[in-house]
């Protein structure tokens, strides 16, 4: 197992994809596929902050914009990813809500 201190060491650029379903339901209670015993928000931040390589692009997927807790956690993840990438000249973040939540009365963004 690679230690977090060496995560991404020697790599020019990485693309990060964060599936909100990976989080424990304590942090993302209303996602399409809950993961009891999943990662904590702190676990994900620890991985991001210890990543040695430059993040050139990222996406955050499978979040529920209708759930306040999940939406807040997703917004914080996007903020952290954006801060990590802000050192780069060219970068991109993509946020994709869960398709299973695209109901007739739900506005997707």
N, C-alpha and C. Protein backbone atom coordinates (compact mmCIF):
# COMPACT_ATOMS: atom_id res chain seq x y z
N UNK A 1 0.84 -1.19 0.00
CA UNK A 1 0.00 0.00 0.00
C UNK A 1 0.89 1.25 0.00
N UNK A 2 0.57 2.19 -0.86
CA UNK A 2 1.35 3.42 -0.97
C UNK A 2 1.01 4.36 0.20
N UNK A 3 2.01 4.99 0.75
CA UNK A 3 1.75 5.93 1.83
C UNK A 3 1.25 7.25 1.23
N UNK A 4 0.46 7.97 1.97
CA UNK A 4 -0.08 9.24 1.47
C UNK A 4 1.03 10.25 1.21
N UNK A 5 2.15 10.12 1.89
CA UNK A 5 3.25 11.07 1.70
C UNK A 5 3.83 10.98 0.29
N UNK A 6 3.71 9.82 -0.35
CA UNK A 6 4.29 9.62 -1.69
C UNK A 6 3.22 9.55 -2.78
N UNK A 7 1.98 9.81 -2.45
CA UNK A 7 0.88 9.71 -3.40
C UNK A 7 1.05 10.71 -4.54
N UNK A 8 1.21 10.20 -5.74
CA UNK A 8 1.36 11.05 -6.92
C UNK A 8 2.76 11.58 -7.15
N UNK A 9 3.70 11.17 -6.33
CA UNK A 9 5.07 11.65 -6.47
C UNK A 9 5.65 11.24 -7.83
N UNK A 10 6.24 12.20 -8.54
CA UNK A 10 6.85 11.94 -9.84
C UNK A 10 5.88 11.94 -11.01
N UNK A 11 4.60 12.18 -10.75
CA UNK A 11 3.59 12.21 -11.81
C UNK A 11 3.39 13.66 -12.25
N UNK A 12 3.32 13.90 -13.56
CA UNK A 12 3.18 15.27 -14.07
C UNK A 12 1.82 15.88 -13.76
N UNK A 13 0.76 15.19 -14.05
CA UNK A 13 -0.58 15.72 -13.83
C UNK A 13 -1.57 14.59 -13.65
N UNK A 14 -2.59 14.82 -12.84
CA UNK A 14 -3.60 13.80 -12.60
C UNK A 14 -5.00 14.36 -12.79
N UNK A 15 -5.90 13.46 -13.13
CA UNK A 15 -7.32 13.75 -13.22
C UNK A 15 -7.96 13.05 -12.03
N UNK A 16 -8.71 13.78 -11.24
CA UNK A 16 -9.36 13.20 -10.06
C UNK A 16 -10.86 13.13 -10.29
N UNK A 17 -11.42 11.99 -10.02
CA UNK A 17 -12.87 11.81 -10.08
C UNK A 17 -13.34 11.39 -8.69
N UNK A 18 -14.20 12.19 -8.10
CA UNK A 18 -14.74 11.87 -6.77
C UNK A 18 -16.21 11.49 -6.95
N UNK A 19 -16.52 10.24 -6.65
CA UNK A 19 -17.90 9.77 -6.66
C UNK A 19 -18.41 9.91 -5.24
N UNK A 20 -19.39 10.76 -5.04
CA UNK A 20 -19.89 11.06 -3.69
C UNK A 20 -20.44 9.80 -3.02
N UNK A 21 -20.80 8.80 -3.83
CA UNK A 21 -21.26 7.52 -3.26
C UNK A 21 -20.20 6.84 -2.40
N UNK A 22 -18.93 7.22 -2.56
CA UNK A 22 -17.86 6.58 -1.77
C UNK A 22 -17.90 7.00 -0.30
N UNK A 23 -18.62 8.08 -0.01
CA UNK A 23 -18.66 8.59 1.36
C UNK A 23 -19.62 7.78 2.24
N UNK A 24 -19.27 7.69 3.50
CA UNK A 24 -20.15 7.08 4.48
C UNK A 24 -21.47 7.86 4.52
N UNK A 25 -22.61 7.21 4.73
CA UNK A 25 -23.90 7.91 4.77
C UNK A 25 -23.98 9.03 5.81
N UNK A 26 -23.09 9.04 6.77
CA UNK A 26 -23.04 10.14 7.74
C UNK A 26 -22.76 11.46 7.01
N UNK A 27 -21.99 11.40 5.93
CA UNK A 27 -21.58 12.60 5.20
C UNK A 27 -22.39 12.81 3.93
N UNK A 28 -22.92 11.75 3.36
CA UNK A 28 -23.74 11.83 2.15
C UNK A 28 -24.90 10.86 2.29
N UNK A 29 -25.93 11.27 3.03
CA UNK A 29 -27.00 10.34 3.38
C UNK A 29 -27.95 9.96 2.24
N UNK A 30 -28.11 10.82 1.26
CA UNK A 30 -29.10 10.53 0.21
C UNK A 30 -28.44 10.48 -1.16
N UNK A 31 -27.63 9.47 -1.38
CA UNK A 31 -27.03 9.23 -2.69
C UNK A 31 -27.65 7.96 -3.26
N UNK A 32 -27.40 7.69 -4.53
CA UNK A 32 -28.06 6.55 -5.15
C UNK A 32 -27.58 5.20 -4.63
N UNK A 33 -26.32 5.11 -4.22
CA UNK A 33 -25.78 3.85 -3.70
C UNK A 33 -24.97 4.14 -2.43
N UNK A 34 -25.61 3.98 -1.28
CA UNK A 34 -24.91 4.30 -0.02
C UNK A 34 -23.81 3.29 0.24
N UNK A 35 -22.80 3.73 0.95
CA UNK A 35 -21.63 2.90 1.26
C UNK A 35 -21.36 2.94 2.76
N UNK A 36 -22.10 2.11 3.56
CA UNK A 36 -21.83 2.07 5.00
C UNK A 36 -20.36 1.72 5.24
N UNK A 37 -19.71 2.47 6.10
CA UNK A 37 -18.29 2.26 6.35
C UNK A 37 -17.42 2.90 5.29
N UNK A 38 -18.03 3.74 4.45
CA UNK A 38 -17.27 4.42 3.39
C UNK A 38 -16.34 5.47 3.96
N UNK A 39 -15.73 6.22 3.06
CA UNK A 39 -14.78 7.25 3.47
C UNK A 39 -15.47 8.38 4.22
N UNK A 40 -14.74 9.01 5.10
CA UNK A 40 -15.25 10.23 5.73
C UNK A 40 -14.83 11.41 4.87
N UNK A 41 -15.44 12.56 5.10
CA UNK A 41 -15.06 13.77 4.37
C UNK A 41 -13.59 14.08 4.65
N UNK A 42 -13.17 13.87 5.90
CA UNK A 42 -11.78 14.10 6.28
C UNK A 42 -10.83 13.17 5.53
N UNK A 43 -11.24 11.91 5.31
CA UNK A 43 -10.41 10.97 4.55
C UNK A 43 -10.14 11.50 3.14
N UNK A 44 -11.19 11.98 2.48
CA UNK A 44 -11.05 12.49 1.11
C UNK A 44 -10.16 13.73 1.10
N UNK A 45 -10.36 14.64 2.06
CA UNK A 45 -9.51 15.84 2.13
C UNK A 45 -8.06 15.47 2.39
N UNK A 46 -7.84 14.47 3.23
CA UNK A 46 -6.49 14.02 3.53
C UNK A 46 -5.80 13.51 2.26
N UNK A 47 -6.51 12.76 1.45
CA UNK A 47 -5.97 12.27 0.18
C UNK A 47 -5.64 13.46 -0.73
N UNK A 48 -6.58 14.39 -0.88
CA UNK A 48 -6.35 15.57 -1.75
C UNK A 48 -5.17 16.40 -1.28
N UNK A 49 -5.11 16.67 0.00
CA UNK A 49 -4.04 17.53 0.52
C UNK A 49 -2.67 16.88 0.47
N UNK A 50 -2.62 15.55 0.48
CA UNK A 50 -1.34 14.84 0.43
C UNK A 50 -0.92 14.47 -0.98
N UNK A 51 -1.76 14.72 -1.95
CA UNK A 51 -1.43 14.40 -3.33
C UNK A 51 -0.30 15.29 -3.82
N UNK A 52 0.79 14.68 -4.26
CA UNK A 52 1.99 15.41 -4.68
C UNK A 52 1.89 15.93 -6.11
N UNK A 53 1.16 15.24 -6.97
CA UNK A 53 1.06 15.62 -8.38
C UNK A 53 0.11 16.81 -8.55
N UNK A 54 0.30 17.54 -9.64
CA UNK A 54 -0.61 18.62 -9.98
C UNK A 54 -1.92 18.05 -10.48
N UNK A 55 -3.03 18.58 -9.98
CA UNK A 55 -4.35 18.16 -10.45
C UNK A 55 -4.70 19.06 -11.64
N UNK A 56 -4.89 18.46 -12.81
CA UNK A 56 -5.16 19.24 -14.02
C UNK A 56 -6.64 19.28 -14.36
N UNK A 57 -7.40 18.32 -13.87
CA UNK A 57 -8.85 18.30 -14.10
C UNK A 57 -9.48 17.39 -13.05
N UNK A 58 -10.77 17.62 -12.82
CA UNK A 58 -11.47 16.81 -11.82
C UNK A 58 -12.96 16.82 -12.08
N UNK A 59 -13.61 15.80 -11.54
CA UNK A 59 -15.07 15.82 -11.54
C UNK A 59 -15.57 15.28 -10.21
N UNK A 60 -16.78 15.70 -9.87
CA UNK A 60 -17.47 15.23 -8.67
C UNK A 60 -18.82 14.73 -9.17
N UNK A 61 -19.09 13.45 -8.97
CA UNK A 61 -20.28 12.85 -9.56
C UNK A 61 -21.15 12.15 -8.52
N UNK A 62 -22.39 11.86 -8.95
CA UNK A 62 -23.36 11.09 -8.18
C UNK A 62 -23.77 11.76 -6.86
N UNK A 63 -23.89 13.08 -6.88
CA UNK A 63 -24.39 13.74 -5.67
C UNK A 63 -25.87 14.04 -5.83
N UNK A 64 -26.54 14.29 -4.73
CA UNK A 64 -27.97 14.58 -4.73
C UNK A 64 -28.16 16.06 -4.40
N UNK A 65 -28.49 16.90 -5.39
CA UNK A 65 -28.65 18.32 -5.12
C UNK A 65 -29.88 18.64 -4.27
N UNK A 66 -30.77 17.66 -4.11
CA UNK A 66 -31.99 17.87 -3.32
C UNK A 66 -31.77 17.63 -1.83
N UNK A 67 -30.64 17.04 -1.48
CA UNK A 67 -30.33 16.77 -0.08
C UNK A 67 -29.32 17.81 0.40
N UNK A 68 -29.69 18.58 1.41
CA UNK A 68 -28.85 19.68 1.88
C UNK A 68 -27.47 19.22 2.35
N UNK A 69 -27.41 18.15 3.09
CA UNK A 69 -26.13 17.66 3.61
C UNK A 69 -25.20 17.22 2.47
N UNK A 70 -25.73 16.40 1.56
CA UNK A 70 -24.93 15.92 0.43
C UNK A 70 -24.50 17.07 -0.47
N UNK A 71 -25.39 18.01 -0.71
CA UNK A 71 -25.05 19.18 -1.54
C UNK A 71 -23.95 20.02 -0.89
N UNK A 72 -24.01 20.18 0.44
CA UNK A 72 -22.99 20.95 1.15
C UNK A 72 -21.63 20.25 1.09
N UNK A 73 -21.62 18.94 1.30
CA UNK A 73 -20.37 18.18 1.23
C UNK A 73 -19.80 18.26 -0.19
N UNK A 74 -20.66 18.14 -1.20
CA UNK A 74 -20.21 18.24 -2.59
C UNK A 74 -19.62 19.61 -2.88
N UNK A 75 -20.27 20.66 -2.41
CA UNK A 75 -19.76 22.02 -2.62
C UNK A 75 -18.38 22.19 -1.97
N UNK A 76 -18.21 21.63 -0.79
CA UNK A 76 -16.91 21.71 -0.12
C UNK A 76 -15.84 20.94 -0.89
N UNK A 77 -16.20 19.78 -1.45
CA UNK A 77 -15.25 19.02 -2.26
C UNK A 77 -14.84 19.80 -3.50
N UNK A 78 -15.81 20.43 -4.15
CA UNK A 78 -15.51 21.25 -5.34
C UNK A 78 -14.60 22.41 -4.95
N UNK A 79 -14.87 23.03 -3.82
CA UNK A 79 -14.01 24.13 -3.34
C UNK A 79 -12.57 23.66 -3.12
N UNK A 80 -12.42 22.51 -2.48
CA UNK A 80 -11.08 21.98 -2.21
C UNK A 80 -10.35 21.60 -3.49
N UNK A 81 -11.07 20.99 -4.43
CA UNK A 81 -10.47 20.63 -5.71
C UNK A 81 -10.05 21.89 -6.48
N UNK A 82 -10.91 22.90 -6.47
CA UNK A 82 -10.60 24.15 -7.16
C UNK A 82 -9.38 24.82 -6.54
N UNK A 83 -9.30 24.82 -5.23
CA UNK A 83 -8.14 25.40 -4.55
C UNK A 83 -6.87 24.64 -4.91
N UNK A 84 -6.96 23.31 -4.98
CA UNK A 84 -5.80 22.48 -5.33
C UNK A 84 -5.34 22.77 -6.76
N UNK A 85 -6.30 23.01 -7.65
CA UNK A 85 -5.96 23.24 -9.06
C UNK A 85 -5.65 24.69 -9.39
N UNK A 86 -5.94 25.61 -8.49
CA UNK A 86 -5.79 27.03 -8.80
C UNK A 86 -4.35 27.43 -9.10
N UNK A 87 -3.39 26.58 -8.75
CA UNK A 87 -1.99 26.84 -9.06
C UNK A 87 -1.70 26.62 -10.54
N UNK A 88 -2.54 25.82 -11.19
CA UNK A 88 -2.33 25.47 -12.59
C UNK A 88 -2.87 26.57 -13.50
N UNK A 89 -2.26 26.71 -14.67
CA UNK A 89 -2.71 27.71 -15.64
C UNK A 89 -4.05 27.31 -16.24
N UNK A 90 -4.17 26.06 -16.68
CA UNK A 90 -5.40 25.56 -17.29
C UNK A 90 -5.96 24.42 -16.44
N UNK A 91 -7.21 24.53 -16.05
CA UNK A 91 -7.82 23.48 -15.25
C UNK A 91 -9.32 23.49 -15.45
N UNK A 92 -9.97 22.39 -15.03
CA UNK A 92 -11.40 22.24 -15.24
C UNK A 92 -11.99 21.37 -14.13
N UNK A 93 -13.16 21.76 -13.63
CA UNK A 93 -13.92 20.93 -12.69
C UNK A 93 -15.30 20.70 -13.28
N UNK A 94 -15.75 19.46 -13.22
CA UNK A 94 -17.07 19.10 -13.72
C UNK A 94 -17.87 18.52 -12.56
N UNK A 95 -19.10 18.99 -12.37
CA UNK A 95 -19.96 18.50 -11.31
C UNK A 95 -21.19 17.88 -11.95
N UNK A 96 -21.43 16.59 -11.68
CA UNK A 96 -22.50 15.86 -12.33
C UNK A 96 -23.43 15.27 -11.28
N UNK A 97 -24.68 15.76 -11.21
CA UNK A 97 -25.62 15.17 -10.25
C UNK A 97 -26.05 13.77 -10.70
N UNK A 98 -26.56 12.99 -9.78
CA UNK A 98 -27.01 11.64 -10.08
C UNK A 98 -28.14 11.67 -11.10
N UNK A 99 -28.03 10.86 -12.15
CA UNK A 99 -29.09 10.79 -13.16
C UNK A 99 -30.36 10.18 -12.61
N UNK A 100 -30.23 9.37 -11.60
CA UNK A 100 -31.41 8.73 -11.00
C UNK A 100 -32.32 9.76 -10.32
N UNK A 101 -31.83 10.96 -10.13
CA UNK A 101 -32.60 11.99 -9.44
C UNK A 101 -33.27 12.94 -10.41
N UNK A 102 -33.14 12.71 -11.71
CA UNK A 102 -33.68 13.61 -12.71
C UNK A 102 -35.18 13.38 -12.87
N UNK A 103 -35.94 13.81 -11.89
CA UNK A 103 -37.39 13.67 -11.91
C UNK A 103 -38.01 14.87 -12.61
N UNK A 104 -39.26 14.75 -12.96
CA UNK A 104 -39.96 15.79 -13.74
C UNK A 104 -39.93 17.15 -13.04
N UNK A 105 -40.03 17.21 -11.74
CA UNK A 105 -40.09 18.48 -11.02
C UNK A 105 -38.74 18.92 -10.45
N UNK A 106 -37.67 18.25 -10.84
CA UNK A 106 -36.36 18.57 -10.33
C UNK A 106 -35.56 19.31 -11.38
N UNK A 107 -35.04 20.47 -11.05
CA UNK A 107 -34.18 21.21 -11.97
C UNK A 107 -32.75 20.78 -11.74
N UNK A 108 -32.10 20.33 -12.79
CA UNK A 108 -30.71 19.92 -12.70
C UNK A 108 -29.83 21.07 -13.14
N UNK A 109 -28.65 21.18 -12.58
CA UNK A 109 -27.72 22.24 -12.96
C UNK A 109 -26.38 21.66 -13.28
